[in-house]
Amino acid sequence: MWRRTVLVAATGTLLVSCASTHPSAPPRPVRATKRVRTGAPGPQHETARRTRTAHRAAAAHRWGLPTPPLPAPAPPHAKKTMAPRAGFEVRGQKALGLPPVFTGIPTRDKVVFLTIDDGAEKDPTFLSMMKELNIPYTAFLTDDEIKDDYGYFRTAQRLGAPLANHTLHHRYLPALSYAEQKREICGMQDIMAKQYGKRPTLLRPPYGNYNQDTLKAAKSCGITYVPIWESEAFIGKMDYRDDWNVHAGDIILTHFRGRSEWNGTMRDMMRSLIKYLNARGFAIARLQDYLP
């Protein structure tokens, strides 16, 4: 088992002169622009900033948080090419051009990326919470768990959540043939295209398990990346893959689960996670903003 568990306490412009086009006219010199200091932001800017801060604080209070989630920085302009995490490659990874498997994004930004799997629990108030608190996440969906209410995830998508592939039936893929794995992955691509209007480019294999056939099938189905996870969030605790801490660029996993599986709700889980990340100075950023 890779898990290690920690309990979490409830914390210039260059101005070019237009020279005459007459051949006898001497060229006019290029004059540099003069920088003008604009001074401190005006009162309207400060009023807007205070209003945003007040709205964020009010939203946090409504959802039972002492402080709002830390805001993520602007995403990078240049995106780094993703490579497989060392030790997570398969035979022929580079030669076959297979999608990379990784557990985090290389970045100096103090951000993590939230991903939510399966789709069993469909609590409308959770979607409201995530929208009001402006928390980005990616939903990795399994058809067996969402087919009773595709509409719930249309709402999530409309509110800004990217939807990704977690296979049709959540089977242990390495035990399946290539053809069977392709049906699991491509079949879910078809469902996603029909229900949500696009075929995902991200796949998470169930349980984080895969082999060469998985990645070959994924590539044939239009998958570009295979992000798994570095840590997993529960109510009141975190499980870690490698050590006992959170790091810049970590991908965090949690699940669409409710009281039947957790001693609480998804809202409880998010409160726990936000307090944990705030105490360590981390913001939640959108995974897709850091991928090429």
C-alpha atoms as a PDB file:
ATOM      1  CA  MET A   1       0.000   0.000   0.000  1.00  0.00           C
ATOM      2  CA  TRP A   2       1.324   3.455  -0.873  1.00  0.00           C
ATOM      3  CA  ARG A   3      -0.925   5.429   1.409  1.00  0.00           C
ATOM      4  CA  ARG A   4       0.282   7.368   4.369  1.00  0.00           C
ATOM      5  CA  THR A   5      -2.380   9.138   6.378  1.00  0.00           C
ATOM      6  CA  VAL A   6      -2.302  12.384   8.332  1.00  0.00           C
ATOM      7  CA  LEU A   7      -5.237  13.697  10.329  1.00  0.00           C
ATOM      8  CA  VAL A   8      -6.119  17.295   9.587  1.00  0.00           C
ATOM      9  CA  ALA A   9      -7.245  19.674  12.294  1.00  0.00           C
ATOM     10  CA  ALA A  10     -10.507  21.572  11.644  1.00  0.00           C
ATOM     11  CA  THR A  11      -7.338  24.773   9.889  1.00  0.00           C
ATOM     12  CA  GLY A  12       8.318  50.071 -26.320  1.00  0.00           C
ATOM     13  CA  THR A  13       6.125  50.353 -27.021  1.00  0.00           C
ATOM     14  CA  LEU A  14       8.178  51.730 -29.890  1.00  0.00           C
ATOM     15  CA  LEU A  15       6.559  54.849 -31.321  1.00  0.00           C
ATOM     16  CA  VAL A  16       7.405  54.881 -35.024  1.00  0.00           C
ATOM     17  CA  SER A  17       6.972  58.231 -36.741  1.00  0.00           C
ATOM     18  CA  CYS A  18       5.328  58.067 -40.140  1.00  0.00           C
ATOM     19  CA  ALA A  19       8.013  59.248 -42.577  1.00  0.00           C
ATOM     20  CA  SER A  20       7.064  60.751 -45.886  1.00  0.00           C
ATOM     21  CA  THR A  21       6.987  58.261 -48.701  1.00  0.00           C
ATOM     22  CA  HIS A  22       8.496  60.875 -51.060  1.00  0.00           C
ATOM     23  CA  PRO A  23      11.938  59.573 -52.070  1.00  0.00           C
ATOM     24  CA  SER A  24      13.613  62.955 -51.446  1.00  0.00           C
ATOM     25  CA  ALA A  25      12.348  63.267 -47.912  1.00  0.00           C
ATOM     26  CA  PRO A  26      14.981  62.432 -45.272  1.00  0.00           C
ATOM     27  CA  PRO A  27      13.982  59.770 -42.784  1.00  0.00           C
ATOM     28  CA  ARG A  28      12.629  61.106 -39.565  1.00  0.00           C
ATOM     29  CA  PRO A  29      14.237  59.833 -36.385  1.00  0.00           C
ATOM     30  CA  VAL A  30      12.362  57.372 -34.270  1.00  0.00           C
ATOM     31  CA  ARG A  31      11.407  58.946 -30.987  1.00  0.00           C
ATOM     32  CA  ALA A  32      11.127  56.796 -27.906  1.00  0.00           C
ATOM     33  CA  THR A  33       7.943  56.959 -25.954  1.00  0.00           C
ATOM     34  CA  LYS A  34       7.992  58.712 -22.643  1.00  0.00           C
ATOM     35  CA  ARG A  35       6.913  56.653 -19.689  1.00  0.00           C
ATOM     36  CA  VAL A  36       4.259  58.298 -17.596  1.00  0.00           C
ATOM     37  CA  ARG A  37       3.801  57.306 -14.011  1.00  0.00           C
ATOM     38  CA  THR A  38       0.177  56.797 -13.266  1.00  0.00           C
ATOM     39  CA  GLY A  39       0.617  56.684  -9.514  1.00  0.00           C
ATOM     40  CA  ALA A  40      -1.378  54.582  -7.107  1.00  0.00           C
ATOM     41  CA  PRO A  41      -4.646  52.962  -8.185  1.00  0.00           C
ATOM     42  CA  GLY A  42      -7.574  55.314  -8.024  1.00  0.00           C
ATOM     43  CA  PRO A  43     -10.491  55.151  -5.594  1.00  0.00           C
ATOM     44  CA  GLN A  44     -12.641  53.129  -7.997  1.00  0.00           C
ATOM     45  CA  HIS A  45      -9.973  50.417  -8.146  1.00  0.00           C
ATOM     46  CA  GLU A  46      -9.774  50.280  -4.360  1.00  0.00           C
ATOM     47  CA  THR A  47     -13.547  50.170  -4.023  1.00  0.00           C
ATOM     48  CA  ALA A  48     -13.750  47.266  -6.471  1.00  0.00           C
ATOM     49  CA  ARG A  49     -11.009  45.413  -4.598  1.00  0.00           C
ATOM     50  CA  ARG A  50     -12.777  45.856  -1.273  1.00  0.00           C
ATOM     51  CA  THR A  51     -16.054  44.712  -2.806  1.00  0.00           C
ATOM     52  CA  ARG A  52     -14.461  41.532  -4.163  1.00  0.00           C
ATOM     53  CA  THR A  53     -12.853  40.831  -0.802  1.00  0.00           C
ATOM     54  CA  ALA A  54     -16.154  41.341   0.999  1.00  0.00           C
ATOM     55  CA  HIS A  55     -17.988  39.033  -1.414  1.00  0.00           C
ATOM     56  CA  ARG A  56     -15.394  36.303  -0.944  1.00  0.00           C
ATOM     57  CA  ALA A  57     -15.561  36.620   2.828  1.00  0.00           C
ATOM     58  CA  ALA A  58     -19.355  36.477   2.756  1.00  0.00           C
ATOM     59  CA  ALA A  59     -19.303  33.366   0.558  1.00  0.00           C
ATOM     60  CA  ALA A  60     -16.867  31.672   2.922  1.00  0.00           C
ATOM     61  CA  HIS A  61     -19.121  32.496   5.874  1.00  0.00           C
ATOM     62  CA  ARG A  62     -22.167  31.069   4.100  1.00  0.00           C
ATOM     63  CA  TRP A  63     -20.352  27.779   3.585  1.00  0.00           C
ATOM     64  CA  GLY A  64     -19.012  27.484   7.113  1.00  0.00           C
ATOM     65  CA  LEU A  65     -15.439  28.606   6.522  1.00  0.00           C
ATOM     66  CA  PRO A  66     -13.536  31.060   8.732  1.00  0.00           C
ATOM     67  CA  THR A  67     -11.631  32.396   5.711  1.00  0.00           C
ATOM     68  CA  PRO A  68     -12.135  32.022   1.947  1.00  0.00           C
ATOM     69  CA  PRO A  69      -9.932  29.785  -0.189  1.00  0.00           C
ATOM     70  CA  LEU A  70      -6.708  31.445  -1.241  1.00  0.00           C
ATOM     71  CA  PRO A  71      -7.015  32.836  -4.792  1.00  0.00           C
ATOM     72  CA  ALA A  72      -4.903  31.148  -7.456  1.00  0.00           C
ATOM     73  CA  PRO A  73      -2.364  33.243  -9.367  1.00  0.00           C
ATOM     74  CA  ALA A  74      -2.794  33.958 -13.057  1.00  0.00           C
ATOM     75  CA  PRO A  75      -1.973  30.834 -15.082  1.00  0.00           C
ATOM     76  CA  PRO A  76       1.372  30.698 -16.876  1.00  0.00           C
ATOM     77  CA  HIS A  77       1.588  32.029 -20.434  1.00  0.00           C
ATOM     78  CA  ALA A  78       4.095  29.353 -21.437  1.00  0.00           C
ATOM     79  CA  LYS A  79       3.019  25.792 -20.669  1.00  0.00           C
ATOM     80  CA  LYS A  80       5.652  23.139 -20.071  1.00  0.00           C
ATOM     81  CA  THR A  81       5.537  19.978 -22.154  1.00  0.00           C
ATOM     82  CA  MET A  82       4.392  17.156 -19.917  1.00  0.00           C
ATOM     83  CA  ALA A  83       6.574  14.078 -19.554  1.00  0.00           C
ATOM     84  CA  PRO A  84       5.730  10.878 -17.694  1.00  0.00           C
ATOM     85  CA  ARG A  85       6.647  10.863 -14.037  1.00  0.00           C
ATOM     86  CA  ALA A  86       9.857   8.887 -13.524  1.00  0.00           C
ATOM     87  CA  GLY A  87       8.975   5.282 -12.805  1.00  0.00           C
ATOM     88  CA  PHE A  88       5.491   5.612 -14.287  1.00  0.00           C
ATOM     89  CA  GLU A  89       6.515   4.954 -17.900  1.00  0.00           C
ATOM     90  CA  VAL A  90       5.574   1.821 -19.836  1.00  0.00           C
ATOM     91  CA  ARG A  91       7.645  -0.092 -22.373  1.00  0.00           C
ATOM     92  CA  GLY A  92       7.789   1.837 -25.643  1.00  0.00           C
ATOM     93  CA  GLN A  93       6.421   5.000 -24.008  1.00  0.00           C
ATOM     94  CA  LYS A  94       8.468   7.447 -26.092  1.00  0.00           C
ATOM     95  CA  ALA A  95       8.779   5.391 -29.282  1.00  0.00           C
ATOM     96  CA  LEU A  96       5.016   4.869 -29.452  1.00  0.00           C
ATOM     97  CA  GLY A  97       4.206   8.450 -28.446  1.00  0.00           C
ATOM     98  CA  LEU A  98       1.952   7.301 -25.611  1.00  0.00           C
ATOM     99  CA  PRO A  99       0.107   9.721 -23.308  1.00  0.00           C
ATOM    100  CA  PRO A 100       2.189  10.589 -20.224  1.00  0.00           C
ATOM    101  CA  VAL A 101       1.129   9.470 -16.753  1.00  0.00           C
ATOM    102  CA  PHE A 102       1.876  12.002 -14.011  1.00  0.00           C
ATOM    103  CA  THR A 103       0.876  12.890 -10.455  1.00  0.00           C
ATOM    104  CA  GLY A 104       1.584  16.614 -10.548  1.00  0.00           C
ATOM    105  CA  ILE A 105       2.484  19.587 -12.726  1.00  0.00           C
ATOM    106  CA  PRO A 106       5.975  21.137 -12.646  1.00  0.00           C
ATOM    107  CA  THR A 107       5.408  24.663 -11.309  1.00  0.00           C
ATOM    108  CA  ARG A 108       6.797  27.128  -8.795  1.00  0.00           C
ATOM    109  CA  ASP A 109       3.322  28.510  -8.174  1.00  0.00           C
ATOM    110  CA  LYS A 110       2.000  27.533  -4.775  1.00  0.00           C
ATOM    111  CA  VAL A 111      -1.004  25.765  -6.253  1.00  0.00           C
ATOM    112  CA  VAL A 112      -2.551  22.306  -6.305  1.00  0.00           C
ATOM    113  CA  PHE A 113      -5.118  20.810  -8.664  1.00  0.00           C
ATOM    114  CA  LEU A 114      -8.374  19.251  -7.473  1.00  0.00           C
ATOM    115  CA  THR A 115      -9.854  16.269  -9.301  1.00  0.00           C
ATOM    116  CA  ILE A 116     -13.055  14.449  -8.333  1.00  0.00           C
ATOM    117  CA  ASP A 117     -13.777  10.891  -9.467  1.00  0.00           C
ATOM    118  CA  ASP A 118     -16.655   8.561 -10.296  1.00  0.00           C
ATOM    119  CA  GLY A 119     -19.892  10.561  -9.949  1.00  0.00           C
ATOM    120  CA  ALA A 120     -22.048   8.581  -7.515  1.00  0.00           C
ATOM    121  CA  GLU A 121     -23.015  11.466  -5.213  1.00  0.00           C
ATOM    122  CA  LYS A 122     -24.967  14.247  -6.925  1.00  0.00           C
ATOM    123  CA  ASP A 123     -25.527  16.968  -4.344  1.00  0.00           C
ATOM    124  CA  PRO A 124     -26.741  20.240  -5.963  1.00  0.00           C
ATOM    125  CA  THR A 125     -25.582  22.275  -2.980  1.00  0.00           C
ATOM    126  CA  PHE A 126     -22.032  21.073  -3.592  1.00  0.00           C
ATOM    127  CA  LEU A 127     -22.097  22.615  -7.073  1.00  0.00           C
ATOM    128  CA  SER A 128     -23.362  25.868  -5.571  1.00  0.00           C
ATOM    129  CA  MET A 129     -20.585  25.816  -2.990  1.00  0.00           C
ATOM    130  CA  MET A 130     -17.862  25.300  -5.585  1.00  0.00           C
ATOM    131  CA  LYS A 131     -19.273  28.062  -7.789  1.00  0.00           C
ATOM    132  CA  GLU A 132     -19.676  30.612  -4.998  1.00  0.00           C
ATOM    133  CA  LEU A 133     -16.219  29.906  -3.587  1.00  0.00           C
ATOM    134  CA  ASN A 134     -14.725  29.930  -7.112  1.00  0.00           C
ATOM    135  CA  ILE A 135     -12.973  26.581  -6.646  1.00  0.00           C
ATOM    136  CA  PRO A 136     -11.885  24.931  -9.910  1.00  0.00           C
ATOM    137  CA  TYR A 137     -11.921  21.167 -10.262  1.00  0.00           C
ATOM    138  CA  THR A 138     -11.935  18.491 -12.963  1.00  0.00           C
ATOM    139  CA  ALA A 139     -14.516  15.694 -12.788  1.00  0.00           C
ATOM    140  CA  PHE A 140     -13.368  12.245 -13.953  1.00  0.00           C
ATOM    141  CA  LEU A 141     -16.607  10.403 -14.686  1.00  0.00           C
ATOM    142  CA  THR A 142     -17.598   6.739 -14.873  1.00  0.00           C
ATOM    143  CA  ASP A 143     -20.742   5.934 -16.855  1.00  0.00           C
ATOM    144  CA  ASP A 144     -22.005   3.373 -14.345  1.00  0.00           C
ATOM    145  CA  GLU A 145     -22.110   6.151 -11.731  1.00  0.00           C
ATOM    146  CA  ILE A 146     -23.544   9.008 -13.789  1.00  0.00           C
ATOM    147  CA  LYS A 147     -26.059   7.411 -16.156  1.00  0.00           C
ATOM    148  CA  ASP A 148     -28.897   7.827 -13.663  1.00  0.00           C
ATOM    149  CA  ASP A 149     -28.510  11.624 -13.903  1.00  0.00           C
ATOM    150  CA  TYR A 150     -26.378  12.946 -16.768  1.00  0.00           C
ATOM    151  CA  GLY A 151     -27.997  16.326 -16.179  1.00  0.00           C
ATOM    152  CA  TYR A 152     -26.201  16.877 -12.879  1.00  0.00           C
ATOM    153  CA  PHE A 153     -22.863  16.976 -14.649  1.00  0.00           C
ATOM    154  CA  ARG A 154     -24.253  19.177 -17.429  1.00  0.00           C
ATOM    155  CA  THR A 155     -24.869  21.672 -14.649  1.00  0.00           C
ATOM    156  CA  ALA A 156     -21.327  21.161 -13.338  1.00  0.00           C
ATOM    157  CA  GLN A 157     -19.996  21.697 -16.858  1.00  0.00           C
ATOM    158  CA  ARG A 158     -22.100  24.842 -17.344  1.00  0.00           C
ATOM    159  CA  LEU A 159     -20.711  26.183 -14.067  1.00  0.00           C
ATOM    160  CA  GLY A 160     -17.161  25.742 -15.360  1.00  0.00           C
ATOM    161  CA  ALA A 161     -16.006  22.235 -14.434  1.00  0.00           C
ATOM    162  CA  PRO A 162     -14.118  20.367 -17.177  1.00  0.00           C
ATOM    163  CA  LEU A 163     -15.304  16.766 -17.553  1.00  0.00           C
ATOM    164  CA  ALA A 164     -12.868  13.903 -18.142  1.00  0.00           C
ATOM    165  CA  ASN A 165     -12.865  10.131 -18.773  1.00  0.00           C
ATOM    166  CA  HIS A 166     -12.837   7.541 -15.972  1.00  0.00           C
ATOM    167  CA  THR A 167     -14.081   4.650 -18.194  1.00  0.00           C
ATOM    168  CA  LEU A 168     -17.467   3.006 -18.665  1.00  0.00           C
ATOM    169  CA  HIS A 169     -17.513   0.498 -15.819  1.00  0.00           C
ATOM    170  CA  HIS A 170     -14.553   1.300 -13.541  1.00  0.00           C
ATOM    171  CA  ARG A 171     -12.862  -2.048 -14.190  1.00  0.00           C
ATOM    172  CA  TYR A 172      -9.271  -2.964 -13.349  1.00  0.00           C
ATOM    173  CA  LEU A 173      -7.815  -2.276 -16.788  1.00  0.00           C
ATOM    174  CA  PRO A 174      -4.544  -4.265 -16.672  1.00  0.00           C
ATOM    175  CA  ALA A 175      -6.578  -7.479 -16.357  1.00  0.00           C
ATOM    176  CA  LEU A 176      -8.374  -6.753 -19.644  1.00  0.00           C
ATOM    177  CA  SER A 177      -7.293  -7.336 -23.219  1.00  0.00           C
ATOM    178  CA  TYR A 178      -6.394  -4.406 -25.455  1.00  0.00           C
ATOM    179  CA  ALA A 179      -9.777  -4.639 -27.189  1.00  0.00           C
ATOM    180  CA  GLU A 180     -11.624  -4.672 -23.859  1.00  0.00           C
ATOM    181  CA  GLN A 181      -9.663  -1.694 -22.575  1.00  0.00           C
ATOM    182  CA  LYS A 182     -10.384   0.191 -25.784  1.00  0.00           C
ATOM    183  CA  ARG A 183     -14.115  -0.442 -25.331  1.00  0.00           C
ATOM    184  CA  GLU A 184     -13.921   0.881 -21.763  1.00  0.00           C
ATOM    185  CA  ILE A 185     -12.132   4.060 -22.820  1.00  0.00           C
ATOM    186  CA  CYS A 186     -13.549   4.779 -26.291  1.00  0.00           C
ATOM    187  CA  GLY A 187     -17.027   3.810 -25.115  1.00  0.00           C
ATOM    188  CA  MET A 188     -16.843   6.469 -22.419  1.00  0.00           C
ATOM    189  CA  GLN A 189     -15.546   8.958 -24.989  1.00  0.00           C
ATOM    190  CA  ASP A 190     -18.706   8.310 -27.015  1.00  0.00           C
ATOM    191  CA  ILE A 191     -20.918   8.826 -23.958  1.00  0.00           C
ATOM    192  CA  MET A 192     -19.153  12.071 -23.084  1.00  0.00           C
ATOM    193  CA  ALA A 193     -19.470  13.377 -26.648  1.00  0.00           C
ATOM    194  CA  LYS A 194     -23.173  12.556 -26.758  1.00  0.00           C
ATOM    195  CA  GLN A 195     -24.061  13.887 -23.318  1.00  0.00           C
ATOM    196  CA  TYR A 196     -21.633  16.790 -22.939  1.00  0.00           C
ATOM    197  CA  GLY A 197     -20.688  17.811 -26.477  1.00  0.00           C
ATOM    198  CA  LYS A 198     -17.008  16.956 -26.507  1.00  0.00           C
ATOM    199  CA  ARG A 199     -14.585  14.062 -26.245  1.00  0.00           C
ATOM    200  CA  PRO A 200     -12.234  14.466 -23.286  1.00  0.00           C
ATOM    201  CA  THR A 201      -8.471  14.564 -23.688  1.00  0.00           C
ATOM    202  CA  LEU A 202      -7.812  13.462 -20.089  1.00  0.00           C
ATOM    203  CA  LEU A 203      -8.178   9.903 -18.800  1.00  0.00           C
ATOM    204  CA  ARG A 204      -7.798   8.577 -15.290  1.00  0.00           C
ATOM    205  CA  PRO A 205      -7.646   4.772 -15.233  1.00  0.00           C
ATOM    206  CA  PRO A 206      -9.609   3.243 -12.347  1.00  0.00           C
ATOM    207  CA  TYR A 207      -7.511   2.784  -9.193  1.00  0.00           C
ATOM    208  CA  GLY A 208      -4.653   4.531 -11.019  1.00  0.00           C
ATOM    209  CA  ASN A 209      -3.668   1.195 -12.586  1.00  0.00           C
ATOM    210  CA  TYR A 210      -2.637   0.821 -16.228  1.00  0.00           C
ATOM    211  CA  ASN A 211      -0.290  -0.972 -18.606  1.00  0.00           C
ATOM    212  CA  GLN A 212       0.998  -0.413 -22.129  1.00  0.00           C
ATOM    213  CA  ASP A 213      -2.310  -1.525 -23.654  1.00  0.00           C
ATOM    214  CA  THR A 214      -4.121   1.074 -21.529  1.00  0.00           C
ATOM    215  CA  LEU A 215      -2.047   3.910 -22.917  1.00  0.00           C
ATOM    216  CA  LYS A 216      -2.183   2.563 -26.485  1.00  0.00           C
ATOM    217  CA  ALA A 217      -5.960   2.304 -26.264  1.00  0.00           C
ATOM    218  CA  ALA A 218      -6.185   5.748 -24.676  1.00  0.00           C
ATOM    219  CA  LYS A 219      -4.143   7.283 -27.487  1.00  0.00           C
ATOM    220  CA  SER A 220      -6.345   5.632 -30.113  1.00  0.00           C
ATOM    221  CA  CYS A 221      -9.409   7.121 -28.372  1.00  0.00           C
ATOM    222  CA  GLY A 222      -8.055  10.689 -28.459  1.00  0.00           C
ATOM    223  CA  ILE A 223      -6.568  10.881 -24.965  1.00  0.00           C
ATOM    224  CA  THR A 224      -3.592  13.231 -24.576  1.00  0.00           C
ATOM    225  CA  TYR A 225      -2.805  13.012 -20.855  1.00  0.00           C
ATOM    226  CA  VAL A 226      -3.253  10.487 -18.048  1.00  0.00           C
ATOM    227  CA  PRO A 227      -3.137  12.428 -14.760  1.00  0.00           C
ATOM    228  CA  ILE A 228      -3.443  10.278 -11.666  1.00  0.00           C
ATOM    229  CA  TRP A 229      -2.785  11.777  -8.218  1.00  0.00           C
ATOM    230  CA  GLU A 230      -0.269  12.608  -5.514  1.00  0.00           C
ATOM    231  CA  SER A 231      -2.633  12.752  -2.549  1.00  0.00           C
ATOM    232  CA  GLU A 232      -6.254  12.014  -1.697  1.00  0.00           C
ATOM    233  CA  ALA A 233      -8.648  14.145   0.340  1.00  0.00           C
ATOM    234  CA  PHE A 234     -11.203  12.768   2.789  1.00  0.00           C
ATOM    235  CA  ILE A 235     -13.183  14.402   5.565  1.00  0.00           C
ATOM    236  CA  GLY A 236     -10.622  15.348   8.192  1.00  0.00           C
ATOM    237  CA  LYS A 237      -7.618  13.585   6.667  1.00  0.00           C
ATOM    238  CA  MET A 238      -5.277  13.363   3.697  1.00  0.00           C
ATOM    239  CA  ASP A 239      -3.580  10.287   2.221  1.00  0.00           C
ATOM    240  CA  TYR A 240      -0.222  10.742   0.514  1.00  0.00           C
ATOM    241  CA  ARG A 241       1.597   8.780  -2.161  1.00  0.00           C
ATOM    242  CA  ASP A 242       5.186   9.672  -1.258  1.00  0.00           C
ATOM    243  CA  ASP A 243       5.605  11.681   1.920  1.00  0.00           C
ATOM    244  CA  TRP A 244       3.620  13.504   4.563  1.00  0.00           C
ATOM    245  CA  ASN A 245       3.178  16.853   2.870  1.00  0.00           C
ATOM    246  CA  VAL A 246       1.593  18.799   0.034  1.00  0.00           C
ATOM    247  CA  HIS A 247       3.773  20.226  -2.739  1.00  0.00           C
ATOM    248  CA  ALA A 248       3.467  22.853  -5.467  1.00  0.00           C
ATOM    249  CA  GLY A 249       1.742  21.304  -8.471  1.00  0.00           C
ATOM    250  CA  ASP A 250       0.292  18.258  -6.702  1.00  0.00           C
ATOM    251  CA  ILE A 251      -2.829  16.679  -8.154  1.00  0.00           C
ATOM    252  CA  ILE A 252      -5.323  15.929  -5.381  1.00  0.00           C
ATOM    253  CA  LEU A 253      -7.942  13.211  -5.740  1.00  0.00           C
ATOM    254  CA  THR A 254     -11.278  12.986  -4.018  1.00  0.00           C
ATOM    255  CA  HIS A 255     -14.611  11.371  -4.924  1.00  0.00           C
ATOM    256  CA  PHE A 256     -18.263  12.227  -5.445  1.00  0.00           C
ATOM    257  CA  ARG A 257     -19.385  10.536  -2.235  1.00  0.00           C
ATOM    258  CA  GLY A 258     -21.913  11.211   0.494  1.00  0.00           C
ATOM    259  CA  ARG A 259     -23.031  10.001   3.902  1.00  0.00           C
ATOM    260  CA  SER A 260     -23.457   6.416   2.743  1.00  0.00           C
ATOM    261  CA  GLU A 261     -19.678   6.146   2.278  1.00  0.00           C
ATOM    262  CA  TRP A 262     -18.302   9.026   4.326  1.00  0.00           C
ATOM    263  CA  ASN A 263     -19.201  10.217   7.783  1.00  0.00           C
ATOM    264  CA  GLY A 264     -20.373  13.482   6.275  1.00  0.00           C
ATOM    265  CA  THR A 265     -20.949  15.254   2.971  1.00  0.00           C
ATOM    266  CA  MET A 266     -18.860  16.494   0.077  1.00  0.00           C
ATOM    267  CA  ARG A 267     -19.279  19.971   1.521  1.00  0.00           C
ATOM    268  CA  ASP A 268     -17.675  18.710   4.733  1.00  0.00           C
ATOM    269  CA  MET A 269     -14.807  17.275   2.709  1.00  0.00           C
ATOM    270  CA  MET A 270     -14.264  20.593   0.908  1.00  0.00           C
ATOM    271  CA  ARG A 271     -14.310  22.562   4.159  1.00  0.00           C
ATOM    272  CA  SER A 272     -11.690  20.205   5.542  1.00  0.00           C
ATOM    273  CA  LEU A 273      -9.525  20.462   2.422  1.00  0.00           C
ATOM    274  CA  ILE A 274      -9.759  24.261   2.173  1.00  0.00           C
ATOM    275  CA  LYS A 275      -8.717  24.698   5.803  1.00  0.00           C
ATOM    276  CA  TYR A 276      -5.815  22.313   5.262  1.00  0.00           C
ATOM    277  CA  LEU A 277      -4.597  24.132   2.134  1.00  0.00           C
ATOM    278  CA  ASN A 278      -5.118  27.632   3.552  1.00  0.00           C
ATOM    279  CA  ALA A 279      -3.024  26.743   6.600  1.00  0.00           C
ATOM    280  CA  ARG A 280      -0.161  25.784   4.288  1.00  0.00           C
ATOM    281  CA  GLY A 281      -0.537  28.707   1.887  1.00  0.00           C
ATOM    282  CA  PHE A 282      -1.805  26.750  -1.127  1.00  0.00           C
ATOM    283  CA  ALA A 283      -4.466  27.760  -3.637  1.00  0.00           C
ATOM    284  CA  ILE A 284      -6.468  25.459  -5.912  1.00  0.00           C
ATOM    285  CA  ALA A 285      -5.842  26.148  -9.611  1.00  0.00           C
ATOM    286  CA  ARG A 286      -7.452  24.783 -12.760  1.00  0.00           C
ATOM    287  CA  LEU A 287      -5.530  21.780 -14.071  1.00  0.00           C
ATOM    288  CA  GLN A 288      -6.165  22.593 -17.739  1.00  0.00           C
ATOM    289  CA  ASP A 289      -4.596  26.050 -17.298  1.00  0.00           C
ATOM    290  CA  TYR A 290      -1.224  24.392 -16.716  1.00  0.00           C
ATOM    291  CA  LEU A 291      -1.359  21.848 -19.544  1.00  0.00           C
ATOM    292  CA  PRO A 292      -0.103  22.667 -23.067  1.00  0.00           C
END
